[in-house]
Amino acid sequence: MRMMVFINNNFTKSTAIALGSMLTMVLLLTSSSARAEYPEKPIELVVGYGAGGGTDVMARLVAPFIEKNLGDGASIIIKNVPGASGQIGITKVANAKPDGYTLGTYNLPGMMARTLDRKAGYSADSFSYLANVVGDPNVIVTQKSSPINSTEKLISAAKAAPGELTVSVSALGGDDQFALISLSEELGTEFNLIPFKGSAKARTAVMGGHVSMSIMNLSEAIKFSSELNILGVAMESRSPLAPNLPTFKEQGVNLIGGSQRGIIAPKGLPENVEKKLLAAFEKAFQDPAFTKSLENSGNPPGFLIGDKFKEFNNLQLERATKNWKVSPWKK
């Protein structure tokens, strides 16, 4: 069957222009509609650690609020990809398609430290920095019966016997060790670093009196305050989770540090997708219910959005690079 096309003699140039304008408007409206439909399918949030850990808890707390704020029936699926101190999961995210359907958890300073002590499949330029969620400050703790039950006594003991005080930390190349390096520089003395595999083992060592002290995060110590002396918190001002605990700055020691946990995406997100995700985090951070859920789980809020998160990451990379040169944690 042949299709015959007849051109009406009344089809003028002005008619063609009008139809062309209409077609352009339709295409623009269609394109705008398509952009507004993100997300059209479930979003995968890759957690580089096992279920139940601090990073996993943070991800599961934030997901429902981001789903709600994205609207359009958004769904976030948590996928745990543990291994190599989070490196396997974060590398997966770095190499994913930058379409907004793969997000990942991000830990500082660990993620940047991993780019220094090994060959990493990512760099600081591999990501779109969406939001930091948790800022878990370092604390110094001692056994409850220890004579070192104050920052003043710690300083005296450390200076009286350089290198003799043993200090447990959860791992090498992390915020605990970085805090110890800063403390050593601040006090002008040395400590004997004892690394463990995980905060639970480092905490058990100090509780049992096997080490003189331990550096860990506030969330890892606060529930054990009946068994530990918490000498101070490494923040600019007191934590809302522990308002009765003094900062080190209050006690004359310039010690600021901790673990940050946030959410990133592969670099190169479409502009409309990135804006929608940033807006979703901004709304979550303004929601008192979200802040309360973090605090109830023992996760101190540490909110940073977009460029501020990226700037903070770059500062953490500078700090990690300096520490690597001063005290490399791998040979």
Protein backbone atom coordinates (compact mmCIF):
# COMPACT_ATOMS: atom_id res chain seq x y z
CA MET A 1 0.00 0.00 0.00
CA ARG A 2 1.35 3.39 -0.94
CA MET A 3 0.90 6.42 1.27
CA MET A 4 0.14 9.55 -0.68
CA VAL A 5 1.07 12.91 0.82
CA PHE A 6 -0.73 15.96 -0.47
CA ILE A 7 0.55 19.43 0.26
CA ASN A 8 -2.18 22.00 0.65
CA ASN A 9 -1.49 25.11 -1.38
CA ASN A 10 -2.63 27.16 1.64
CA PHE A 11 0.33 25.85 3.70
CA THR A 12 2.19 29.14 3.89
CA LYS A 13 5.60 29.99 5.29
CA SER A 14 4.01 31.66 8.31
CA THR A 15 2.06 28.47 9.05
CA ALA A 16 5.29 26.46 8.96
CA ILE A 17 6.94 28.88 11.38
CA ALA A 18 4.00 28.66 13.74
CA LEU A 19 4.07 24.86 13.68
CA GLY A 20 7.81 24.91 14.26
CA SER A 21 7.36 27.15 17.29
CA MET A 22 4.70 24.83 18.67
CA LEU A 23 6.98 21.83 18.18
CA THR A 24 9.81 23.63 19.99
CA MET A 25 7.51 24.39 22.92
CA VAL A 26 6.40 20.76 23.09
CA LEU A 27 10.00 19.55 23.11
CA LEU A 28 10.94 22.03 25.87
CA LEU A 29 7.97 21.03 27.98
CA THR A 30 8.75 17.34 27.46
CA SER A 31 12.39 17.88 28.42
CA SER A 32 11.41 19.87 31.51
CA SER A 33 8.93 17.18 32.51
CA ALA A 34 11.59 14.49 32.15
CA ARG A 35 14.00 16.39 34.36
CA ALA A 36 11.33 16.91 36.99
CA GLU A 37 10.65 13.18 37.18
CA TYR A 38 13.92 12.26 38.94
CA PRO A 39 14.00 9.80 40.55
CA GLU A 40 12.18 7.46 38.19
CA LYS A 41 13.58 4.29 39.78
CA PRO A 42 15.07 3.20 43.12
CA ILE A 43 18.31 4.88 44.23
CA GLU A 44 21.08 2.59 45.51
CA LEU A 45 22.99 3.87 48.55
CA VAL A 46 26.27 1.95 48.86
CA VAL A 47 27.55 1.56 52.42
CA GLY A 48 31.23 0.61 52.49
CA TYR A 49 30.92 -1.17 55.84
CA GLY A 50 28.90 -4.00 57.37
CA ALA A 51 25.37 -3.72 58.68
CA GLY A 52 25.00 -2.35 62.21
CA GLY A 53 28.10 -0.15 62.28
CA GLY A 54 28.09 3.62 62.73
CA THR A 55 28.18 4.36 59.00
CA ASP A 56 25.39 1.88 58.28
CA VAL A 57 23.24 3.36 61.05
CA MET A 58 23.76 6.86 59.65
CA ALA A 59 22.73 5.72 56.16
CA ARG A 60 19.56 4.02 57.39
CA LEU A 61 18.60 7.07 59.46
CA VAL A 62 19.04 9.55 56.62
CA ALA A 63 17.43 7.47 53.83
CA PRO A 64 13.74 7.89 54.84
CA PHE A 65 14.11 11.67 55.13
CA ILE A 66 15.76 11.96 51.70
CA GLU A 67 13.05 9.75 50.19
CA LYS A 68 10.40 12.01 51.69
CA ASN A 69 12.09 15.21 50.49
CA LEU A 70 12.74 13.95 46.97
CA GLY A 71 9.03 13.15 46.63
CA ASP A 72 7.52 11.38 43.62
CA GLY A 73 7.55 8.07 45.49
CA ALA A 74 11.36 8.05 45.77
CA SER A 75 12.94 4.88 47.11
CA ILE A 76 16.45 4.39 48.50
CA ILE A 77 17.88 0.88 48.78
CA ILE A 78 20.80 0.34 51.17
CA LYS A 79 23.52 -1.95 49.79
CA ASN A 80 26.34 -2.98 52.15
CA VAL A 81 29.65 -3.51 50.34
CA PRO A 82 32.19 -3.95 53.19
CA GLY A 83 35.93 -4.44 52.84
CA ALA A 84 39.32 -2.71 52.83
CA SER A 85 38.26 -0.04 55.35
CA GLY A 86 35.44 1.12 53.10
CA GLN A 87 37.60 1.29 49.97
CA ILE A 88 35.69 -1.37 48.01
CA GLY A 89 32.37 0.40 48.41
CA ILE A 90 33.65 3.90 47.69
CA THR A 91 35.51 2.71 44.58
CA LYS A 92 32.26 1.18 43.30
CA VAL A 93 30.56 4.55 43.69
CA ALA A 94 33.41 6.47 42.06
CA ASN A 95 33.12 4.29 38.96
CA ALA A 96 29.31 4.27 38.78
CA LYS A 97 27.27 6.15 36.18
CA PRO A 98 26.73 9.74 37.39
CA ASP A 99 22.97 9.74 36.97
CA GLY A 100 21.84 10.12 40.58
CA TYR A 101 20.88 6.48 41.01
CA THR A 102 24.08 5.47 42.81
CA LEU A 103 25.06 7.26 46.01
CA GLY A 104 27.60 6.23 48.62
CA THR A 105 28.56 6.77 52.23
CA TYR A 106 31.75 8.71 52.79
CA ASN A 107 33.99 8.74 55.86
CA LEU A 108 36.63 11.30 56.74
CA PRO A 109 39.51 11.39 57.23
CA GLY A 110 39.66 7.69 56.31
CA MET A 111 38.64 8.00 52.66
CA MET A 112 41.39 10.53 51.97
CA ALA A 113 43.96 8.63 54.07
CA ARG A 114 43.34 5.57 51.91
CA THR A 115 44.53 7.51 48.84
CA LEU A 116 47.93 7.97 50.52
CA ASP A 117 48.77 4.57 51.98
CA ARG A 118 47.77 2.43 48.98
CA LYS A 119 46.81 2.54 45.31
CA ALA A 120 43.23 3.76 45.37
CA GLY A 121 40.67 3.58 42.59
CA TYR A 122 39.45 7.11 43.35
CA SER A 123 40.66 10.57 44.38
CA ALA A 124 39.23 13.71 45.90
CA ASP A 125 38.09 14.70 42.40
CA SER A 126 36.02 11.54 41.87
CA PHE A 127 32.86 12.70 43.61
CA SER A 128 29.98 15.12 43.82
CA TYR A 129 29.94 16.09 47.50
CA LEU A 130 26.31 16.11 48.62
CA ALA A 131 26.22 16.32 52.41
CA ASN A 132 28.11 15.47 55.54
CA VAL A 133 25.67 14.20 58.15
CA VAL A 134 27.57 13.14 61.28
CA GLY A 135 30.45 14.85 63.04
CA ASP A 136 31.64 12.45 65.75
CA PRO A 137 34.38 14.17 67.80
CA ASN A 138 37.38 12.44 69.34
CA VAL A 139 37.56 11.92 73.08
CA ILE A 140 40.37 10.69 75.31
CA VAL A 141 39.37 8.04 77.85
CA THR A 142 41.07 6.15 80.67
CA GLN A 143 40.06 3.25 82.88
CA LYS A 144 37.72 4.37 85.65
CA SER A 145 40.25 3.47 88.36
CA SER A 146 43.19 5.08 86.54
CA PRO A 147 45.10 7.83 88.37
CA ILE A 148 44.99 9.71 85.04
CA ASN A 149 41.44 10.94 85.51
CA SER A 150 41.78 14.47 84.18
CA THR A 151 43.40 16.29 81.27
CA GLU A 152 45.76 18.04 83.68
CA LYS A 153 47.01 14.71 85.05
CA LEU A 154 47.35 13.34 81.52
CA ILE A 155 49.57 16.24 80.52
CA SER A 156 51.75 15.80 83.59
CA ALA A 157 52.14 12.05 83.06
CA ALA A 158 52.87 12.40 79.34
CA LYS A 159 55.56 15.03 79.86
CA ALA A 160 57.12 13.21 82.82
CA ALA A 161 57.63 10.01 80.82
CA PRO A 162 57.73 10.65 77.05
CA GLY A 163 56.79 7.56 75.02
CA GLU A 164 55.68 5.49 78.01
CA LEU A 165 51.93 6.11 77.98
CA THR A 166 50.29 3.49 75.77
CA VAL A 167 47.34 4.59 73.63
CA SER A 168 44.83 2.28 71.93
CA VAL A 169 43.17 3.37 68.68
CA SER A 170 40.73 1.56 66.41
CA ALA A 171 43.00 1.57 63.33
CA LEU A 172 45.99 3.18 61.70
CA GLY A 173 45.46 6.10 59.34
CA GLY A 174 42.20 7.21 60.94
CA ASP A 175 40.92 10.09 63.00
CA ASP A 176 42.02 8.45 66.29
CA GLN A 177 45.65 8.30 65.22
CA PHE A 178 45.47 11.78 63.69
CA ALA A 179 44.20 13.13 67.03
CA LEU A 180 47.13 11.49 68.80
CA ILE A 181 49.58 13.09 66.36
CA SER A 182 47.98 16.48 67.06
CA LEU A 183 48.11 15.86 70.82
CA SER A 184 51.81 14.92 70.65
CA GLU A 185 52.57 18.13 68.74
CA GLU A 186 50.46 20.24 71.08
CA LEU A 187 52.10 18.88 74.25
CA GLY A 188 55.60 18.50 72.80
CA THR A 189 55.91 14.88 73.94
CA GLU A 190 55.51 11.33 72.64
CA PHE A 191 53.10 8.44 73.19
CA ASN A 192 53.24 4.70 72.50
CA LEU A 193 50.60 3.96 69.84
CA ILE A 194 48.82 0.57 70.03
CA PRO A 195 46.50 0.00 67.04
CA PHE A 196 43.59 -2.45 67.16
CA LYS A 197 41.10 -3.71 64.61
CA GLY A 198 37.99 -1.80 65.56
CA SER A 199 36.88 0.54 68.31
CA ALA A 200 35.36 -2.23 70.45
CA LYS A 201 38.75 -3.91 70.87
CA ALA A 202 40.48 -0.59 71.55
CA ARG A 203 37.86 0.23 74.18
CA THR A 204 38.15 -3.20 75.81
CA ALA A 205 41.92 -2.72 76.08
CA VAL A 206 41.58 0.49 78.08
CA MET A 207 38.75 -0.85 80.22
CA GLY A 208 40.89 -3.83 81.15
CA GLY A 209 43.85 -1.65 82.04
CA HIS A 210 46.00 -3.07 79.24
CA VAL A 211 46.76 0.42 77.91
CA SER A 212 47.11 3.77 79.66
CA MET A 213 44.45 5.54 77.60
CA SER A 214 42.47 5.39 74.40
CA ILE A 215 41.39 7.85 71.73
CA MET A 216 38.01 7.10 70.16
CA ASN A 217 34.83 8.88 69.09
CA LEU A 218 32.28 10.33 71.48
CA SER A 219 29.57 7.94 70.24
CA GLU A 220 31.83 5.00 71.06
CA ALA A 221 32.51 6.15 74.63
CA ILE A 222 29.44 7.94 75.92
CA LYS A 223 27.48 4.77 76.71
CA PHE A 224 30.41 3.51 78.79
CA SER A 225 30.90 6.58 80.99
CA SER A 226 30.31 4.44 84.13
CA GLU A 227 33.41 2.42 83.20
CA LEU A 228 35.57 5.12 81.63
CA ASN A 229 36.89 8.56 82.50
CA ILE A 230 36.16 10.84 79.53
CA LEU A 231 38.81 13.53 79.88
CA GLY A 232 37.58 15.89 77.20
CA VAL A 233 35.92 16.35 73.80
CA ALA A 234 37.85 17.51 70.73
CA MET A 235 35.37 20.17 69.59
CA GLU A 236 35.24 23.97 69.43
CA SER A 237 32.24 23.98 71.78
CA ARG A 238 30.48 21.40 73.93
CA SER A 239 28.55 18.62 72.26
CA PRO A 240 24.75 18.62 72.67
CA LEU A 241 25.08 14.87 73.27
CA ALA A 242 27.30 15.48 76.29
CA PRO A 243 26.86 19.06 77.51
CA ASN A 244 28.49 18.26 80.85
CA LEU A 245 31.76 17.17 79.26
CA PRO A 246 34.32 19.96 78.76
CA THR A 247 36.16 20.45 75.51
CA PHE A 248 39.95 20.24 75.44
CA LYS A 249 40.05 23.90 74.40
CA GLU A 250 38.33 24.79 77.66
CA GLN A 251 41.18 23.00 79.41
CA GLY A 252 43.91 24.82 77.53
CA VAL A 253 44.67 22.13 74.93
CA ASN A 254 44.13 22.98 71.25
CA LEU A 255 42.80 19.60 70.12
CA ILE A 256 40.06 19.45 67.47
CA GLY A 257 39.24 16.30 65.51
CA GLY A 258 36.89 13.46 64.86
CA SER A 259 35.18 11.22 62.35
CA GLN A 260 32.85 12.61 59.70
CA ARG A 261 30.22 10.55 57.90
CA GLY A 262 28.34 11.78 54.86
CA ILE A 263 26.90 11.01 51.44
CA ILE A 264 28.51 11.48 48.03
CA ALA A 265 27.75 10.59 44.40
CA PRO A 266 29.93 10.03 41.33
CA LYS A 267 31.31 13.24 39.85
CA GLY A 268 29.35 14.68 36.95
CA LEU A 269 25.75 14.55 38.16
CA PRO A 270 23.24 16.33 35.91
CA GLU A 271 22.66 19.82 37.31
CA ASN A 272 18.95 19.30 37.97
CA VAL A 273 19.61 15.99 39.77
CA GLU A 274 22.33 17.45 41.98
CA LYS A 275 20.14 20.44 42.89
CA LYS A 276 17.27 18.16 43.84
CA LEU A 277 19.49 15.98 46.02
CA LEU A 278 21.09 18.98 47.74
CA ALA A 279 17.65 20.45 48.42
CA ALA A 280 16.52 17.13 49.91
CA PHE A 281 19.46 17.10 52.34
CA GLU A 282 18.92 20.76 53.20
CA LYS A 283 15.30 20.04 54.16
CA ALA A 284 16.37 17.03 56.23
CA PHE A 285 18.91 19.12 58.13
CA GLN A 286 16.22 21.68 58.93
CA ASP A 287 13.87 18.98 60.24
CA PRO A 288 14.05 18.68 64.06
CA ALA A 289 12.84 15.07 63.79
CA PHE A 290 15.94 14.15 61.80
CA THR A 291 18.32 15.82 64.24
CA LYS A 292 16.58 14.07 67.11
CA SER A 293 16.84 10.67 65.38
CA LEU A 294 20.60 11.15 65.02
CA GLU A 295 21.07 12.21 68.63
CA ASN A 296 18.90 9.36 69.93
CA SER A 297 21.16 6.90 68.08
CA GLY A 298 24.30 8.46 69.56
CA ASN A 299 25.38 10.09 66.28
CA PRO A 300 26.36 13.75 66.79
CA PRO A 301 25.05 15.91 63.93
CA GLY A 302 27.69 17.55 61.75
CA PHE A 303 25.85 19.12 58.84
CA LEU A 304 27.68 20.37 55.75
CA ILE A 305 26.09 20.82 52.31
CA GLY A 306 27.63 20.78 48.81
CA ASP A 307 30.61 23.09 48.39
CA LYS A 308 31.18 23.39 52.15
CA PHE A 309 31.44 19.60 52.36
CA LYS A 310 33.89 19.57 49.44
CA GLU A 311 36.01 22.28 51.07
CA PHE A 312 36.09 20.33 54.31
CA ASN A 313 37.18 17.21 52.40
CA ASN A 314 40.09 19.11 50.87
CA LEU A 315 41.17 20.29 54.31
CA GLN A 316 41.06 16.70 55.55
CA LEU A 317 43.23 15.62 52.62
CA GLU A 318 45.77 18.31 53.51
CA ARG A 319 45.80 17.13 57.12
CA ALA A 320 46.16 13.48 56.12
CA THR A 321 49.02 14.32 53.74
CA LYS A 322 50.83 16.22 56.50
CA ASN A 323 50.37 13.34 58.95
CA TRP A 324 51.54 10.81 56.35
CA LYS A 325 54.79 12.73 55.97
CA VAL A 326 55.29 13.16 59.72
CA SER A 327 54.20 9.72 60.85
CA PRO A 328 53.42 7.25 58.01
CA TRP A 329 51.15 4.47 59.20
CA LYS A 330 52.18 1.93 56.53
CA LYS A 331 55.55 0.98 55.10
